[in-house]
Amino acid sequence: MSLASSRVTWQVVVGVVALLALSAARAAVWRLPESGNVIGEYQEVLADDGDTLIKIARQYGLGFEELENANPKLNPFAIKAGTVVHLPLRRILPDVPYEGIVVNLPEHRLYYFPKSAGKEPREVVTFPVSVGKMDWSTPIGLTKIQSKIKDPDWHPPESVRKEHEEKGDPLPKVVKAGPDNPLGQFAMRLAIPGGAYMIHGTNNPDGVGMDVTHGCMRLYPENIETLFKMVSVDTPVRLVNEPIKVGVADGRVWVEVHPALMMTSGAIIRPTTLDLNRKIRTIARTHSVGEIVWEKSEQAFMESAGIATVVSVLPHAGE
């Protein structure tokens, strides 16, 4: 489907140029804004016959859970033709240095910030990812790409083999590369001690964007192939936990709230409205923005739909 598709129109937004690259799964490459930290554009699409949230998510470069959170009233597996589906394609960048790979775990999203090529404007590439499920959470912190493997074999850790054995689904010690390999065709091992953590593809793309892995991060097959070609060994990787993001663009404050991340212990460290308000006040003190509409920020917090939302009015002329 081309950019001229009748199902979606890409628009320029607050210092960001229109979409520069598009893969089969609608992975986006955006120029970094000259000011502010908001990229992309919220869109809506009308469902076709036979559409599911899994199908629409992959078509528009989204993960299942982020699309489900944005459309909580829809049956994800039986959507009536003509139903409006909200596409959370506008994003606030995580509050980290814009370098290397950044994975915001509660957002189920990976950002890659390539180095600038001469005087060309810098860009950011973004893909949906799956992350670790409750008992196998993905670690937080700074690491790097240790190695890159094409057509990897999978060596399931003993703990994973034990889990499968208990379920009556035993695994071999080595799963050779091929269509039955859950690592897909490309894998990048992270330099995290004590675990075989990777960013890799998958033979089950329907699960991308969910908490379903044993700590690794899975991408759609076409997305991992793109990222694999772009990223080099020793690229820094930041794994962060930012369920609340606050941004500024064109004199307005934006907030984006995602459901809190469940930790290995089963605990959920839930942010509060106080945390959100502090972030808003911090950004309002350092930027020229209009009055904050606190009711809007509270609503965004309560819904936790992952949709970037304006929570201020435009500043008056001369401010």
C-alpha atoms as a PDB file:
ATOM      1  CA  MET A   1       0.000   0.000   0.000  1.00  0.00           C
ATOM      2  CA  SER A   2       1.496   3.373  -0.992  1.00  0.00           C
ATOM      3  CA  LEU A   3       1.663   6.636   0.898  1.00  0.00           C
ATOM      4  CA  ALA A   4      -1.231   7.778  -1.267  1.00  0.00           C
ATOM      5  CA  SER A   5      -3.409   5.040   0.210  1.00  0.00           C
ATOM      6  CA  SER A   6      -6.999   6.066   0.777  1.00  0.00           C
ATOM      7  CA  ARG A   7      -6.833   4.409   4.192  1.00  0.00           C
ATOM      8  CA  VAL A   8      -4.357   6.801   5.719  1.00  0.00           C
ATOM      9  CA  THR A   9      -2.822  10.158   4.900  1.00  0.00           C
ATOM     10  CA  TRP A  10       0.540  11.061   6.354  1.00  0.00           C
ATOM     11  CA  GLN A  11       0.892  14.659   7.468  1.00  0.00           C
ATOM     12  CA  VAL A  12       3.671  16.927   8.650  1.00  0.00           C
ATOM     13  CA  VAL A  13       3.571  17.679  12.378  1.00  0.00           C
ATOM     14  CA  VAL A  14       5.343  20.233  14.568  1.00  0.00           C
ATOM     15  CA  GLY A  15       8.800  20.486  13.089  1.00  0.00           C
ATOM     16  CA  VAL A  16       8.797  16.956  11.701  1.00  0.00           C
ATOM     17  CA  VAL A  17       8.827  16.252   7.990  1.00  0.00           C
ATOM     18  CA  ALA A  18       6.604  13.644   6.411  1.00  0.00           C
ATOM     19  CA  LEU A  19       7.398   9.958   6.535  1.00  0.00           C
ATOM     20  CA  LEU A  20      10.695   9.235   4.811  1.00  0.00           C
ATOM     21  CA  ALA A  21      10.757   5.440   4.614  1.00  0.00           C
ATOM     22  CA  LEU A  22       8.099   2.773   4.724  1.00  0.00           C
ATOM     23  CA  SER A  23       8.497  -1.002   5.009  1.00  0.00           C
ATOM     24  CA  ALA A  24       5.903  -3.704   4.565  1.00  0.00           C
ATOM     25  CA  ALA A  25       5.032  -3.275   8.248  1.00  0.00           C
ATOM     26  CA  ARG A  26       4.847   0.537   8.135  1.00  0.00           C
ATOM     27  CA  ALA A  27       8.071   1.085  10.070  1.00  0.00           C
ATOM     28  CA  ALA A  28       8.714   4.818  10.193  1.00  0.00           C
ATOM     29  CA  VAL A  29      11.819   6.909   9.777  1.00  0.00           C
ATOM     30  CA  TRP A  30      11.335  10.484  10.957  1.00  0.00           C
ATOM     31  CA  ARG A  31      13.625  13.476  11.050  1.00  0.00           C
ATOM     32  CA  LEU A  32      14.231  14.628  14.590  1.00  0.00           C
ATOM     33  CA  PRO A  33      12.360  17.866  15.249  1.00  0.00           C
ATOM     34  CA  GLU A  34      14.440  21.031  15.456  1.00  0.00           C
ATOM     35  CA  SER A  35      12.674  21.839  18.704  1.00  0.00           C
ATOM     36  CA  GLY A  36      10.566  19.740  21.018  1.00  0.00           C
ATOM     37  CA  ASN A  37      10.393  15.958  21.179  1.00  0.00           C
ATOM     38  CA  VAL A  38       7.165  14.953  19.408  1.00  0.00           C
ATOM     39  CA  ILE A  39       7.206  12.969  16.159  1.00  0.00           C
ATOM     40  CA  GLY A  40       4.587  11.385  13.935  1.00  0.00           C
ATOM     41  CA  GLU A  41       0.875  11.982  13.508  1.00  0.00           C
ATOM     42  CA  TYR A  42      -2.194  10.404  15.078  1.00  0.00           C
ATOM     43  CA  GLN A  43      -4.387   8.716  12.457  1.00  0.00           C
ATOM     44  CA  GLU A  44      -7.665   6.842  12.141  1.00  0.00           C
ATOM     45  CA  VAL A  45      -8.547   4.086   9.695  1.00  0.00           C
ATOM     46  CA  LEU A  46     -11.799   2.328   8.795  1.00  0.00           C
ATOM     47  CA  ALA A  47     -11.660  -1.428   9.276  1.00  0.00           C
ATOM     48  CA  ASP A  48     -12.197  -3.711   6.304  1.00  0.00           C
ATOM     49  CA  ASP A  49     -13.988  -7.063   6.289  1.00  0.00           C
ATOM     50  CA  GLY A  50     -11.886  -9.630   8.115  1.00  0.00           C
ATOM     51  CA  ASP A  51      -9.687  -7.080   9.864  1.00  0.00           C
ATOM     52  CA  THR A  52      -8.306  -7.820  13.331  1.00  0.00           C
ATOM     53  CA  LEU A  53      -6.134  -5.652  15.540  1.00  0.00           C
ATOM     54  CA  ILE A  54      -3.239  -8.045  14.883  1.00  0.00           C
ATOM     55  CA  LYS A  55      -3.595  -7.543  11.126  1.00  0.00           C
ATOM     56  CA  ILE A  56      -4.002  -3.754  11.346  1.00  0.00           C
ATOM     57  CA  ALA A  57      -1.128  -3.453  13.829  1.00  0.00           C
ATOM     58  CA  ARG A  58       1.359  -5.070  11.490  1.00  0.00           C
ATOM     59  CA  GLN A  59       0.070  -3.137   8.504  1.00  0.00           C
ATOM     60  CA  TYR A  60       0.711   0.197  10.221  1.00  0.00           C
ATOM     61  CA  GLY A  61       3.929  -0.559  12.099  1.00  0.00           C
ATOM     62  CA  LEU A  62       2.262  -1.025  15.480  1.00  0.00           C
ATOM     63  CA  GLY A  63       2.352  -3.760  18.093  1.00  0.00           C
ATOM     64  CA  PHE A  64      -0.760  -5.567  19.265  1.00  0.00           C
ATOM     65  CA  GLU A  65      -0.924  -4.177  22.811  1.00  0.00           C
ATOM     66  CA  GLU A  66      -0.340  -0.538  21.851  1.00  0.00           C
ATOM     67  CA  LEU A  67      -3.141  -0.786  19.291  1.00  0.00           C
ATOM     68  CA  GLU A  68      -5.415  -2.599  21.756  1.00  0.00           C
ATOM     69  CA  ASN A  69      -4.771   0.062  24.425  1.00  0.00           C
ATOM     70  CA  ALA A  70      -5.733   2.775  21.939  1.00  0.00           C
ATOM     71  CA  ASN A  71      -8.967   0.905  21.064  1.00  0.00           C
ATOM     72  CA  PRO A  72     -10.148  -0.639  24.360  1.00  0.00           C
ATOM     73  CA  LYS A  73     -13.789  -0.980  23.283  1.00  0.00           C
ATOM     74  CA  LEU A  74     -13.068  -3.079  20.192  1.00  0.00           C
ATOM     75  CA  ASN A  75     -13.113  -6.864  20.036  1.00  0.00           C
ATOM     76  CA  PRO A  76      -9.547  -7.327  18.743  1.00  0.00           C
ATOM     77  CA  PHE A  77     -10.435 -10.452  16.777  1.00  0.00           C
ATOM     78  CA  ALA A  78     -13.813  -9.475  15.333  1.00  0.00           C
ATOM     79  CA  ILE A  79     -13.966  -5.894  14.081  1.00  0.00           C
ATOM     80  CA  LYS A  80     -17.006  -4.854  12.070  1.00  0.00           C
ATOM     81  CA  ALA A  81     -16.240  -3.381   8.642  1.00  0.00           C
ATOM     82  CA  GLY A  82     -16.367   0.412   8.726  1.00  0.00           C
ATOM     83  CA  THR A  83     -15.406   0.655  12.405  1.00  0.00           C
ATOM     84  CA  VAL A  84     -13.035   3.509  13.220  1.00  0.00           C
ATOM     85  CA  VAL A  85      -9.690   2.214  14.524  1.00  0.00           C
ATOM     86  CA  HIS A  86      -7.411   4.693  16.300  1.00  0.00           C
ATOM     87  CA  LEU A  87      -3.744   4.493  15.215  1.00  0.00           C
ATOM     88  CA  PRO A  88      -1.354   5.921  17.881  1.00  0.00           C
ATOM     89  CA  LEU A  89       1.299   6.976  15.362  1.00  0.00           C
ATOM     90  CA  ARG A  90       2.229  10.250  17.057  1.00  0.00           C
ATOM     91  CA  ARG A  91       4.886   9.668  19.713  1.00  0.00           C
ATOM     92  CA  ILE A  92       6.792  11.519  22.387  1.00  0.00           C
ATOM     93  CA  LEU A  93      10.440  10.497  22.333  1.00  0.00           C
ATOM     94  CA  PRO A  94      11.756   8.864  25.526  1.00  0.00           C
ATOM     95  CA  ASP A  95      13.659  11.153  27.886  1.00  0.00           C
ATOM     96  CA  VAL A  96      17.128   9.751  27.119  1.00  0.00           C
ATOM     97  CA  PRO A  97      20.119  10.695  24.947  1.00  0.00           C
ATOM     98  CA  TYR A  98      19.282  10.345  21.264  1.00  0.00           C
ATOM     99  CA  GLU A  99      21.918   7.770  20.426  1.00  0.00           C
ATOM    100  CA  GLY A 100      21.989   4.118  19.470  1.00  0.00           C
ATOM    101  CA  ILE A 101      19.007   1.927  20.305  1.00  0.00           C
ATOM    102  CA  VAL A 102      16.439   2.811  22.966  1.00  0.00           C
ATOM    103  CA  VAL A 103      13.706   0.367  23.993  1.00  0.00           C
ATOM    104  CA  ASN A 104      10.907   1.754  26.157  1.00  0.00           C
ATOM    105  CA  LEU A 105       9.568  -1.467  27.655  1.00  0.00           C
ATOM    106  CA  PRO A 106       6.047  -0.396  28.796  1.00  0.00           C
ATOM    107  CA  GLU A 107       5.552   1.223  25.397  1.00  0.00           C
ATOM    108  CA  HIS A 108       6.633  -1.968  23.593  1.00  0.00           C
ATOM    109  CA  ARG A 109       8.636   0.184  21.206  1.00  0.00           C
ATOM    110  CA  LEU A 110      12.203   0.424  19.941  1.00  0.00           C
ATOM    111  CA  TYR A 111      13.811   3.646  18.738  1.00  0.00           C
ATOM    112  CA  TYR A 112      17.047   3.750  16.757  1.00  0.00           C
ATOM    113  CA  PHE A 113      18.944   7.026  16.431  1.00  0.00           C
ATOM    114  CA  PRO A 114      21.508   6.726  13.601  1.00  0.00           C
ATOM    115  CA  LYS A 115      24.538   8.983  13.706  1.00  0.00           C
ATOM    116  CA  SER A 116      24.322  12.096  11.577  1.00  0.00           C
ATOM    117  CA  ALA A 117      25.616  11.747   8.021  1.00  0.00           C
ATOM    118  CA  GLY A 118      27.509  14.973   7.457  1.00  0.00           C
ATOM    119  CA  LYS A 119      25.181  17.968   7.424  1.00  0.00           C
ATOM    120  CA  GLU A 120      22.064  15.876   6.872  1.00  0.00           C
ATOM    121  CA  PRO A 121      19.325  16.241   9.524  1.00  0.00           C
ATOM    122  CA  ARG A 122      19.308  13.493  12.131  1.00  0.00           C
ATOM    123  CA  GLU A 123      16.620  10.822  12.023  1.00  0.00           C
ATOM    124  CA  VAL A 124      14.929   8.323  14.294  1.00  0.00           C
ATOM    125  CA  VAL A 125      13.688   4.897  13.242  1.00  0.00           C
ATOM    126  CA  THR A 126      10.972   3.227  15.311  1.00  0.00           C
ATOM    127  CA  PHE A 127       9.592  -0.319  15.488  1.00  0.00           C
ATOM    128  CA  PRO A 128       7.178  -2.215  17.774  1.00  0.00           C
ATOM    129  CA  VAL A 129       8.709  -4.968  19.914  1.00  0.00           C
ATOM    130  CA  SER A 130       7.682  -7.791  22.202  1.00  0.00           C
ATOM    131  CA  VAL A 131       9.264  -7.801  25.657  1.00  0.00           C
ATOM    132  CA  GLY A 132       9.591 -10.217  28.577  1.00  0.00           C
ATOM    133  CA  LYS A 133       6.528 -11.704  30.221  1.00  0.00           C
ATOM    134  CA  MET A 134       5.949 -11.516  33.972  1.00  0.00           C
ATOM    135  CA  ASP A 135       8.372 -14.233  35.135  1.00  0.00           C
ATOM    136  CA  TRP A 136      10.988 -13.366  32.511  1.00  0.00           C
ATOM    137  CA  SER A 137      11.096  -9.581  32.485  1.00  0.00           C
ATOM    138  CA  THR A 138      13.484  -7.718  30.217  1.00  0.00           C
ATOM    139  CA  PRO A 139      16.228  -6.010  32.274  1.00  0.00           C
ATOM    140  CA  ILE A 140      16.546  -2.239  32.574  1.00  0.00           C
ATOM    141  CA  GLY A 141      19.779  -0.356  31.932  1.00  0.00           C
ATOM    142  CA  LEU A 142      22.538   0.521  29.487  1.00  0.00           C
ATOM    143  CA  THR A 143      24.239  -2.158  27.405  1.00  0.00           C
ATOM    144  CA  LYS A 144      25.414  -2.562  23.809  1.00  0.00           C
ATOM    145  CA  ILE A 145      25.195  -4.842  20.777  1.00  0.00           C
ATOM    146  CA  GLN A 146      27.761  -7.556  21.457  1.00  0.00           C
ATOM    147  CA  SER A 147      27.362  -9.569  18.250  1.00  0.00           C
ATOM    148  CA  LYS A 148      25.159  -9.980  15.185  1.00  0.00           C
ATOM    149  CA  ILE A 149      24.061 -13.367  13.840  1.00  0.00           C
ATOM    150  CA  LYS A 150      22.295 -14.168  10.587  1.00  0.00           C
ATOM    151  CA  ASP A 151      20.281 -17.407  10.549  1.00  0.00           C
ATOM    152  CA  PRO A 152      20.970 -18.063  14.232  1.00  0.00           C
ATOM    153  CA  ASP A 153      20.568 -21.388  15.976  1.00  0.00           C
ATOM    154  CA  TRP A 154      18.647 -21.184  19.246  1.00  0.00           C
ATOM    155  CA  HIS A 155      20.153 -22.719  22.365  1.00  0.00           C
ATOM    156  CA  PRO A 156      17.275 -22.642  24.873  1.00  0.00           C
ATOM    157  CA  PRO A 157      18.494 -21.984  28.427  1.00  0.00           C
ATOM    158  CA  GLU A 158      17.928 -24.803  30.877  1.00  0.00           C
ATOM    159  CA  SER A 159      15.240 -22.780  32.658  1.00  0.00           C
ATOM    160  CA  VAL A 160      13.307 -22.378  29.405  1.00  0.00           C
ATOM    161  CA  ARG A 161      13.660 -26.072  28.570  1.00  0.00           C
ATOM    162  CA  LYS A 162      12.350 -26.910  32.048  1.00  0.00           C
ATOM    163  CA  GLU A 163       9.328 -24.636  31.534  1.00  0.00           C
ATOM    164  CA  HIS A 164       8.492 -26.318  28.230  1.00  0.00           C
ATOM    165  CA  GLU A 165       9.056 -29.771  29.733  1.00  0.00           C
ATOM    166  CA  GLU A 166       6.524 -29.013  32.484  1.00  0.00           C
ATOM    167  CA  LYS A 167       4.005 -27.999  29.816  1.00  0.00           C
ATOM    168  CA  GLY A 168       4.502 -31.225  27.886  1.00  0.00           C
ATOM    169  CA  ASP A 169       6.262 -29.398  25.070  1.00  0.00           C
ATOM    170  CA  PRO A 170       9.925 -30.445  25.396  1.00  0.00           C
ATOM    171  CA  LEU A 171      12.593 -28.545  23.499  1.00  0.00           C
ATOM    172  CA  PRO A 172      15.819 -29.887  22.012  1.00  0.00           C
ATOM    173  CA  LYS A 173      19.124 -28.493  23.252  1.00  0.00           C
ATOM    174  CA  VAL A 174      19.576 -26.764  19.920  1.00  0.00           C
ATOM    175  CA  VAL A 175      16.886 -25.472  17.541  1.00  0.00           C
ATOM    176  CA  LYS A 176      18.536 -25.077  14.153  1.00  0.00           C
ATOM    177  CA  ALA A 177      17.964 -22.050  11.931  1.00  0.00           C
ATOM    178  CA  GLY A 178      14.824 -22.321   9.843  1.00  0.00           C
ATOM    179  CA  PRO A 179      11.075 -21.711   9.876  1.00  0.00           C
ATOM    180  CA  ASP A 180      10.640 -23.355  13.309  1.00  0.00           C
ATOM    181  CA  ASN A 181      13.284 -21.205  14.988  1.00  0.00           C
ATOM    182  CA  PRO A 182      11.708 -18.565  17.284  1.00  0.00           C
ATOM    183  CA  LEU A 183      14.695 -16.232  16.753  1.00  0.00           C
ATOM    184  CA  GLY A 184      13.790 -15.719  13.121  1.00  0.00           C
ATOM    185  CA  GLN A 185      16.491 -14.964  10.544  1.00  0.00           C
ATOM    186  CA  PHE A 186      18.380 -12.216  12.387  1.00  0.00           C
ATOM    187  CA  ALA A 187      19.542 -11.778  15.967  1.00  0.00           C
ATOM    188  CA  MET A 188      21.693  -9.260  17.839  1.00  0.00           C
ATOM    189  CA  ARG A 189      23.076 -10.380  21.185  1.00  0.00           C
ATOM    190  CA  LEU A 190      23.266  -7.835  24.009  1.00  0.00           C
ATOM    191  CA  ALA A 191      26.224  -7.520  26.373  1.00  0.00           C
ATOM    192  CA  ILE A 192      24.173  -8.247  29.489  1.00  0.00           C
ATOM    193  CA  PRO A 193      25.907 -10.527  32.005  1.00  0.00           C
ATOM    194  CA  GLY A 194      24.138 -13.647  33.170  1.00  0.00           C
ATOM    195  CA  GLY A 195      21.647 -14.038  30.348  1.00  0.00           C
ATOM    196  CA  ALA A 196      21.337 -14.613  26.620  1.00  0.00           C
ATOM    197  CA  TYR A 197      19.358 -11.440  25.916  1.00  0.00           C
ATOM    198  CA  MET A 198      18.854 -10.552  22.273  1.00  0.00           C
ATOM    199  CA  ILE A 199      17.009  -8.318  19.866  1.00  0.00           C
ATOM    200  CA  HIS A 200      15.777 -10.694  17.196  1.00  0.00           C
ATOM    201  CA  GLY A 201      13.093 -11.648  14.709  1.00  0.00           C
ATOM    202  CA  THR A 202      10.381 -14.235  15.167  1.00  0.00           C
ATOM    203  CA  ASN A 203       8.530 -17.069  13.493  1.00  0.00           C
ATOM    204  CA  ASN A 204       5.329 -15.868  15.194  1.00  0.00           C
ATOM    205  CA  PRO A 205       4.785 -12.244  14.134  1.00  0.00           C
ATOM    206  CA  ASP A 206       1.273 -12.199  15.635  1.00  0.00           C
ATOM    207  CA  GLY A 207       2.900 -11.903  19.067  1.00  0.00           C
ATOM    208  CA  VAL A 208       4.903  -8.750  18.333  1.00  0.00           C
ATOM    209  CA  GLY A 209       4.051  -5.943  20.735  1.00  0.00           C
ATOM    210  CA  MET A 210       3.102  -8.196  23.666  1.00  0.00           C
ATOM    211  CA  ASP A 211       4.699  -9.336  26.938  1.00  0.00           C
ATOM    212  CA  VAL A 212       5.452 -12.837  25.687  1.00  0.00           C
ATOM    213  CA  THR A 213       9.218 -13.397  25.573  1.00  0.00           C
ATOM    214  CA  HIS A 214      11.769 -14.865  27.982  1.00  0.00           C
ATOM    215  CA  GLY A 215      13.413 -11.461  28.292  1.00  0.00           C
ATOM    216  CA  CYS A 216      14.448 -10.884  24.681  1.00  0.00           C
ATOM    217  CA  MET A 217      12.928  -8.322  22.324  1.00  0.00           C
ATOM    218  CA  ARG A 218      11.195  -9.578  19.162  1.00  0.00           C
ATOM    219  CA  LEU A 219      10.528  -7.584  16.014  1.00  0.00           C
ATOM    220  CA  TYR A 220       8.492  -8.298  12.917  1.00  0.00           C
ATOM    221  CA  PRO A 221      10.658 -10.240  10.428  1.00  0.00           C
ATOM    222  CA  GLU A 222      10.811  -7.338   7.977  1.00  0.00           C
ATOM    223  CA  ASN A 223      11.685  -4.876  10.767  1.00  0.00           C
ATOM    224  CA  ILE A 224      14.546  -6.892  12.245  1.00  0.00           C
ATOM    225  CA  GLU A 225      16.020  -7.298   8.774  1.00  0.00           C
ATOM    226  CA  THR A 226      15.996  -3.515   8.328  1.00  0.00           C
ATOM    227  CA  LEU A 227      17.456  -2.848  11.787  1.00  0.00           C
ATOM    228  CA  PHE A 228      20.064  -5.597  11.432  1.00  0.00           C
ATOM    229  CA  LYS A 229      21.461  -3.906   8.322  1.00  0.00           C
ATOM    230  CA  MET A 230      21.563  -0.478   9.982  1.00  0.00           C
ATOM    231  CA  VAL A 231      23.108  -1.342  13.341  1.00  0.00           C
ATOM    232  CA  SER A 232      26.753  -2.198  14.023  1.00  0.00           C
ATOM    233  CA  VAL A 233      28.421  -4.125  16.846  1.00  0.00           C
ATOM    234  CA  ASP A 234      29.057  -1.940  19.935  1.00  0.00           C
ATOM    235  CA  THR A 235      25.994   0.237  19.248  1.00  0.00           C
ATOM    236  CA  PRO A 236      24.715   1.381  22.670  1.00  0.00           C
ATOM    237  CA  VAL A 237      21.360  -0.009  23.785  1.00  0.00           C
ATOM    238  CA  ARG A 238      19.275   1.614  26.510  1.00  0.00           C
ATOM    239  CA  LEU A 239      16.421  -0.374  28.020  1.00  0.00           C
ATOM    240  CA  VAL A 240      14.151   2.041  29.876  1.00  0.00           C
ATOM    241  CA  ASN A 241      10.898   2.004  31.809  1.00  0.00           C
ATOM    242  CA  GLU A 242       8.946   5.170  30.942  1.00  0.00           C
ATOM    243  CA  PRO A 243       5.187   4.565  31.142  1.00  0.00           C
ATOM    244  CA  ILE A 244       4.724   8.355  31.366  1.00  0.00           C
ATOM    245  CA  LYS A 245       6.216  10.598  28.686  1.00  0.00           C
ATOM    246  CA  VAL A 246       5.791  14.363  28.515  1.00  0.00           C
ATOM    247  CA  GLY A 247       6.702  16.405  25.457  1.00  0.00           C
ATOM    248  CA  VAL A 248       6.507  19.842  23.931  1.00  0.00           C
ATOM    249  CA  ALA A 249       5.882  20.895  20.353  1.00  0.00           C
ATOM    250  CA  ASP A 250       4.699  24.123  18.745  1.00  0.00           C
ATOM    251  CA  GLY A 251       4.169  25.811  22.117  1.00  0.00           C
ATOM    252  CA  ARG A 252       1.966  23.048  23.497  1.00  0.00           C
ATOM    253  CA  VAL A 253       2.521  20.367  26.139  1.00  0.00           C
ATOM    254  CA  TRP A 254       1.790  16.740  25.264  1.00  0.00           C
ATOM    255  CA  VAL A 255       1.493  13.682  27.478  1.00  0.00           C
ATOM    256  CA  GLU A 256       1.555  10.000  26.555  1.00  0.00           C
ATOM    257  CA  VAL A 257       0.717   7.392  29.188  1.00  0.00           C
ATOM    258  CA  HIS A 258       1.113   3.613  28.858  1.00  0.00           C
ATOM    259  CA  PRO A 259       0.097   0.822  31.251  1.00  0.00           C
ATOM    260  CA  ALA A 260       2.742   0.179  33.900  1.00  0.00           C
ATOM    261  CA  LEU A 261       5.299  -2.574  33.388  1.00  0.00           C
ATOM    262  CA  MET A 262       4.964  -5.781  35.413  1.00  0.00           C
ATOM    263  CA  MET A 263       8.245  -6.811  37.003  1.00  0.00           C
ATOM    264  CA  THR A 264       9.691 -10.309  37.478  1.00  0.00           C
ATOM    265  CA  SER A 265       8.411 -10.421  41.058  1.00  0.00           C
ATOM    266  CA  GLY A 266       4.866  -9.929  39.805  1.00  0.00           C
ATOM    267  CA  ALA A 267       4.765  -6.431  41.251  1.00  0.00           C
ATOM    268  CA  ILE A 268       3.606  -3.485  39.174  1.00  0.00           C
ATOM    269  CA  ILE A 269       5.357  -0.204  39.869  1.00  0.00           C
ATOM    270  CA  ARG A 270       2.536   2.162  39.060  1.00  0.00           C
ATOM    271  CA  PRO A 271       3.253   5.833  38.390  1.00  0.00           C
ATOM    272  CA  THR A 272       0.859   8.329  39.935  1.00  0.00           C
ATOM    273  CA  THR A 273      -0.777  11.528  38.786  1.00  0.00           C
ATOM    274  CA  LEU A 274       1.760  13.277  41.019  1.00  0.00           C
ATOM    275  CA  ASP A 275       4.557  11.829  38.878  1.00  0.00           C
ATOM    276  CA  LEU A 276       2.810  13.076  35.741  1.00  0.00           C
ATOM    277  CA  ASN A 277       2.171  16.529  37.190  1.00  0.00           C
ATOM    278  CA  ARG A 278       5.825  16.893  38.192  1.00  0.00           C
ATOM    279  CA  LYS A 279       6.944  16.070  34.639  1.00  0.00           C
ATOM    280  CA  ILE A 280       4.469  18.559  33.189  1.00  0.00           C
ATOM    281  CA  ARG A 281       5.570  21.327  35.533  1.00  0.00           C
ATOM    282  CA  THR A 282       9.235  20.652  34.755  1.00  0.00           C
ATOM    283  CA  ILE A 283       8.725  20.966  31.014  1.00  0.00           C
ATOM    284  CA  ALA A 284       6.434  23.991  31.429  1.00  0.00           C
ATOM    285  CA  ARG A 285       9.169  25.800  33.394  1.00  0.00           C
ATOM    286  CA  THR A 286      11.741  25.287  30.647  1.00  0.00           C
ATOM    287  CA  HIS A 287       9.592  26.016  27.583  1.00  0.00           C
ATOM    288  CA  SER A 288       7.272  28.789  26.466  1.00  0.00           C
ATOM    289  CA  VAL A 289       3.897  27.072  26.655  1.00  0.00           C
ATOM    290  CA  GLY A 290       0.349  28.087  27.409  1.00  0.00           C
ATOM    291  CA  GLU A 291      -1.827  27.267  30.396  1.00  0.00           C
ATOM    292  CA  ILE A 292      -1.995  23.603  31.416  1.00  0.00           C
ATOM    293  CA  VAL A 293      -5.442  21.995  31.313  1.00  0.00           C
ATOM    294  CA  TRP A 294      -5.023  19.614  34.220  1.00  0.00           C
ATOM    295  CA  GLU A 295      -8.317  17.830  33.559  1.00  0.00           C
ATOM    296  CA  LYS A 296      -6.931  16.648  30.206  1.00  0.00           C
ATOM    297  CA  SER A 297      -3.725  15.325  31.739  1.00  0.00           C
ATOM    298  CA  GLU A 298      -5.696  13.481  34.416  1.00  0.00           C
ATOM    299  CA  GLN A 299      -7.931  11.924  31.759  1.00  0.00           C
ATOM    300  CA  ALA A 300      -4.891  10.813  29.742  1.00  0.00           C
ATOM    301  CA  PHE A 301      -3.449   9.266  32.893  1.00  0.00           C
ATOM    302  CA  MET A 302      -6.648   7.420  33.761  1.00  0.00           C
ATOM    303  CA  GLU A 303      -7.075   6.041  30.236  1.00  0.00           C
ATOM    304  CA  SER A 304      -3.408   5.059  29.759  1.00  0.00           C
ATOM    305  CA  ALA A 305      -4.213   4.561  26.081  1.00  0.00           C
ATOM    306  CA  GLY A 306      -0.722   5.374  24.809  1.00  0.00           C
ATOM    307  CA  ILE A 307      -2.095   8.200  22.664  1.00  0.00           C
ATOM    308  CA  ALA A 308      -0.074  11.425  22.687  1.00  0.00           C
ATOM    309  CA  THR A 309      -2.500  14.100  23.884  1.00  0.00           C
ATOM    310  CA  VAL A 310      -2.311  17.907  24.091  1.00  0.00           C
ATOM    311  CA  VAL A 311      -2.848  19.123  27.656  1.00  0.00           C
ATOM    312  CA  SER A 312      -2.251  22.867  27.263  1.00  0.00           C
ATOM    313  CA  VAL A 313      -3.631  25.777  25.332  1.00  0.00           C
ATOM    314  CA  LEU A 314      -1.487  27.786  22.937  1.00  0.00           C
ATOM    315  CA  PRO A 315       0.368  30.653  24.617  1.00  0.00           C
ATOM    316  CA  HIS A 316      -1.001  34.138  24.094  1.00  0.00           C
ATOM    317  CA  ALA A 317       0.675  36.331  21.499  1.00  0.00           C
ATOM    318  CA  GLY A 318       3.802  37.969  22.852  1.00  0.00           C
ATOM    319  CA  GLU A 319       4.429  35.321  25.525  1.00  0.00           C
END
